[in-house]
Amino acid sequence: MKNFILTYVTPAQDVIVANSTMEEFNFVCVEIGIVSFVGFWIAFYVSKKISDRVSRDVGEIKEYLEDVNAKDYESVIKIEHYVEFLEISLLLKNIVKRLKQKDKKS
């Protein structure tokens, strides 16, 4: 019955073992907390970097569309980070070519 929580412990050696076990448990809890904290901040940093890159690419597309809306068909778009935005920009360039040809005809 040494492992039962409500057991009355009289020998001094059992008290030392119980104290060292609690110290080890507390140490493991602190280690888990530190690892979780560091993991959280790493995840936050990575997500912030991804968000910044997406914002830059979306901003480039927005500026390009504003230029096209102002009939500046020679505007340049520079997508640096994500292939999906690059594909969108290529499709937009094709649309702009068609708009430019339509404006020349009329």
C-alpha atoms as a PDB file:
ATOM      1  CA  MET A   1       0.000   0.000   0.000  1.00  0.00           C
ATOM      2  CA  LYS A   2       2.991   2.335  -0.394  1.00  0.00           C
ATOM      3  CA  ASN A   3       1.631   3.854  -3.607  1.00  0.00           C
ATOM      4  CA  PHE A   4      -1.813   4.657  -2.233  1.00  0.00           C
ATOM      5  CA  ILE A   5      -2.209   8.431  -1.849  1.00  0.00           C
ATOM      6  CA  LEU A   6      -4.010   8.448   1.504  1.00  0.00           C
ATOM      7  CA  THR A   7      -1.563   6.072   3.182  1.00  0.00           C
ATOM      8  CA  TYR A   8       0.034   7.376   6.322  1.00  0.00           C
ATOM      9  CA  VAL A   9       3.790   7.349   5.774  1.00  0.00           C
ATOM     10  CA  THR A  10       5.913   7.078   8.880  1.00  0.00           C
ATOM     11  CA  PRO A  11       9.395   5.994   7.783  1.00  0.00           C
ATOM     12  CA  ALA A  12      11.651   8.897   6.827  1.00  0.00           C
ATOM     13  CA  GLN A  13      12.895   7.146   3.700  1.00  0.00           C
ATOM     14  CA  ASP A  14       9.398   6.968   2.209  1.00  0.00           C
ATOM     15  CA  VAL A  15       8.996  10.719   2.788  1.00  0.00           C
ATOM     16  CA  ILE A  16      12.264  11.407   0.937  1.00  0.00           C
ATOM     17  CA  VAL A  17      11.148   9.203  -1.964  1.00  0.00           C
ATOM     18  CA  ALA A  18       7.781  10.958  -2.098  1.00  0.00           C
ATOM     19  CA  ASN A  19       9.430  14.380  -2.050  1.00  0.00           C
ATOM     20  CA  SER A  20      11.896  13.485  -4.798  1.00  0.00           C
ATOM     21  CA  THR A  21       9.046  12.047  -6.871  1.00  0.00           C
ATOM     22  CA  MET A  22       7.102  15.302  -6.511  1.00  0.00           C
ATOM     23  CA  GLU A  23      10.208  17.295  -7.403  1.00  0.00           C
ATOM     24  CA  GLU A  24      10.668  15.194 -10.546  1.00  0.00           C
ATOM     25  CA  PHE A  25       6.994  15.610 -11.407  1.00  0.00           C
ATOM     26  CA  ASN A  26       7.237  19.390 -10.971  1.00  0.00           C
ATOM     27  CA  PHE A  27      10.396  19.476 -13.087  1.00  0.00           C
ATOM     28  CA  VAL A  28       8.676  17.546 -15.887  1.00  0.00           C
ATOM     29  CA  CYS A  29       5.675  19.908 -15.711  1.00  0.00           C
ATOM     30  CA  VAL A  30       7.962  22.927 -16.012  1.00  0.00           C
ATOM     31  CA  GLU A  31       9.777  21.334 -18.964  1.00  0.00           C
ATOM     32  CA  ILE A  32       6.472  20.628 -20.716  1.00  0.00           C
ATOM     33  CA  GLY A  33       5.390  24.224 -20.103  1.00  0.00           C
ATOM     34  CA  ILE A  34       8.622  25.638 -21.511  1.00  0.00           C
ATOM     35  CA  VAL A  35       8.482  23.419 -24.603  1.00  0.00           C
ATOM     36  CA  SER A  36       4.839  24.382 -25.179  1.00  0.00           C
ATOM     37  CA  PHE A  37       5.650  28.073 -24.797  1.00  0.00           C
ATOM     38  CA  VAL A  38       8.575  27.902 -27.228  1.00  0.00           C
ATOM     39  CA  GLY A  39       6.481  25.877 -29.689  1.00  0.00           C
ATOM     40  CA  PHE A  40       3.702  28.446 -29.513  1.00  0.00           C
ATOM     41  CA  TRP A  41       6.091  31.308 -30.309  1.00  0.00           C
ATOM     42  CA  ILE A  42       7.695  29.423 -33.181  1.00  0.00           C
ATOM     43  CA  ALA A  43       4.260  28.721 -34.667  1.00  0.00           C
ATOM     44  CA  PHE A  44       3.271  32.372 -34.179  1.00  0.00           C
ATOM     45  CA  TYR A  45       6.458  33.596 -35.903  1.00  0.00           C
ATOM     46  CA  VAL A  46       6.002  31.253 -38.880  1.00  0.00           C
ATOM     47  CA  SER A  47       2.339  32.184 -39.303  1.00  0.00           C
ATOM     48  CA  LYS A  48       3.223  35.888 -39.110  1.00  0.00           C
ATOM     49  CA  LYS A  49       5.841  35.473 -41.866  1.00  0.00           C
ATOM     50  CA  ILE A  50       3.350  33.599 -44.067  1.00  0.00           C
ATOM     51  CA  SER A  51       0.724  36.277 -43.440  1.00  0.00           C
ATOM     52  CA  ASP A  52       3.160  39.041 -44.403  1.00  0.00           C
ATOM     53  CA  ARG A  53       4.077  37.289 -47.653  1.00  0.00           C
ATOM     54  CA  VAL A  54       0.440  36.721 -48.576  1.00  0.00           C
ATOM     55  CA  SER A  55      -0.334  40.373 -47.804  1.00  0.00           C
ATOM     56  CA  ARG A  56       2.479  41.547 -50.073  1.00  0.00           C
ATOM     57  CA  ASP A  57       1.335  39.361 -52.975  1.00  0.00           C
ATOM     58  CA  VAL A  58      -2.307  40.376 -52.543  1.00  0.00           C
ATOM     59  CA  GLY A  59      -1.218  44.018 -52.392  1.00  0.00           C
ATOM     60  CA  GLU A  60       0.636  43.607 -55.701  1.00  0.00           C
ATOM     61  CA  ILE A  61      -2.459  42.113 -57.340  1.00  0.00           C
ATOM     62  CA  LYS A  62      -4.622  44.911 -55.920  1.00  0.00           C
ATOM     63  CA  GLU A  63      -2.284  47.620 -57.246  1.00  0.00           C
ATOM     64  CA  TYR A  64      -2.222  45.936 -60.656  1.00  0.00           C
ATOM     65  CA  LEU A  65      -6.014  45.799 -60.804  1.00  0.00           C
ATOM     66  CA  GLU A  66      -6.247  49.462 -59.803  1.00  0.00           C
ATOM     67  CA  ASP A  67      -3.824  50.356 -62.612  1.00  0.00           C
ATOM     68  CA  VAL A  68      -5.831  48.322 -65.119  1.00  0.00           C
ATOM     69  CA  ASN A  69      -9.005  49.992 -63.909  1.00  0.00           C
ATOM     70  CA  ALA A  70      -7.330  53.336 -64.666  1.00  0.00           C
ATOM     71  CA  LYS A  71      -6.576  51.948 -68.176  1.00  0.00           C
ATOM     72  CA  ASP A  72      -2.835  51.710 -67.550  1.00  0.00           C
ATOM     73  CA  TYR A  73      -2.377  48.490 -69.499  1.00  0.00           C
ATOM     74  CA  GLU A  74       1.429  48.658 -69.355  1.00  0.00           C
ATOM     75  CA  SER A  75       1.475  48.221 -65.584  1.00  0.00           C
ATOM     76  CA  VAL A  76       3.757  45.513 -64.182  1.00  0.00           C
ATOM     77  CA  ILE A  77       2.869  42.957 -61.536  1.00  0.00           C
ATOM     78  CA  LYS A  78       5.538  41.195 -59.473  1.00  0.00           C
ATOM     79  CA  ILE A  79       4.502  38.124 -57.516  1.00  0.00           C
ATOM     80  CA  GLU A  80       7.346  36.843 -55.376  1.00  0.00           C
ATOM     81  CA  HIS A  81       6.113  34.192 -52.976  1.00  0.00           C
ATOM     82  CA  TYR A  82       3.253  31.907 -53.957  1.00  0.00           C
ATOM     83  CA  VAL A  83       2.567  29.980 -57.168  1.00  0.00           C
ATOM     84  CA  GLU A  84      -1.197  30.386 -56.826  1.00  0.00           C
ATOM     85  CA  PHE A  85      -0.901  34.170 -56.936  1.00  0.00           C
ATOM     86  CA  LEU A  86       1.470  33.840 -59.894  1.00  0.00           C
ATOM     87  CA  GLU A  87      -1.166  31.840 -61.777  1.00  0.00           C
ATOM     88  CA  ILE A  88      -3.776  34.487 -60.964  1.00  0.00           C
ATOM     89  CA  SER A  89      -1.444  37.222 -62.197  1.00  0.00           C
ATOM     90  CA  LEU A  90      -0.887  35.382 -65.504  1.00  0.00           C
ATOM     91  CA  LEU A  91      -4.634  35.082 -66.003  1.00  0.00           C
ATOM     92  CA  LEU A  92      -5.029  38.777 -65.234  1.00  0.00           C
ATOM     93  CA  LYS A  93      -2.341  39.657 -67.781  1.00  0.00           C
ATOM     94  CA  ASN A  94      -4.222  37.670 -70.434  1.00  0.00           C
ATOM     95  CA  ILE A  95      -7.428  39.541 -69.594  1.00  0.00           C
ATOM     96  CA  VAL A  96      -5.572  42.850 -69.812  1.00  0.00           C
ATOM     97  CA  LYS A  97      -4.258  41.930 -73.275  1.00  0.00           C
ATOM     98  CA  ARG A  98      -7.813  41.301 -74.431  1.00  0.00           C
ATOM     99  CA  LEU A  99      -9.008  44.586 -72.910  1.00  0.00           C
ATOM    100  CA  LYS A 100      -6.192  46.439 -74.613  1.00  0.00           C
ATOM    101  CA  GLN A 101      -7.124  44.925 -77.977  1.00  0.00           C
ATOM    102  CA  LYS A 102     -10.785  45.842 -77.400  1.00  0.00           C
ATOM    103  CA  ASP A 103      -9.843  49.446 -76.587  1.00  0.00           C
ATOM    104  CA  LYS A 104      -7.760  49.667 -79.773  1.00  0.00           C
ATOM    105  CA  LYS A 105     -10.691  48.447 -81.864  1.00  0.00           C
ATOM    106  CA  SER A 106     -13.115  50.968 -80.410  1.00  0.00           C
END
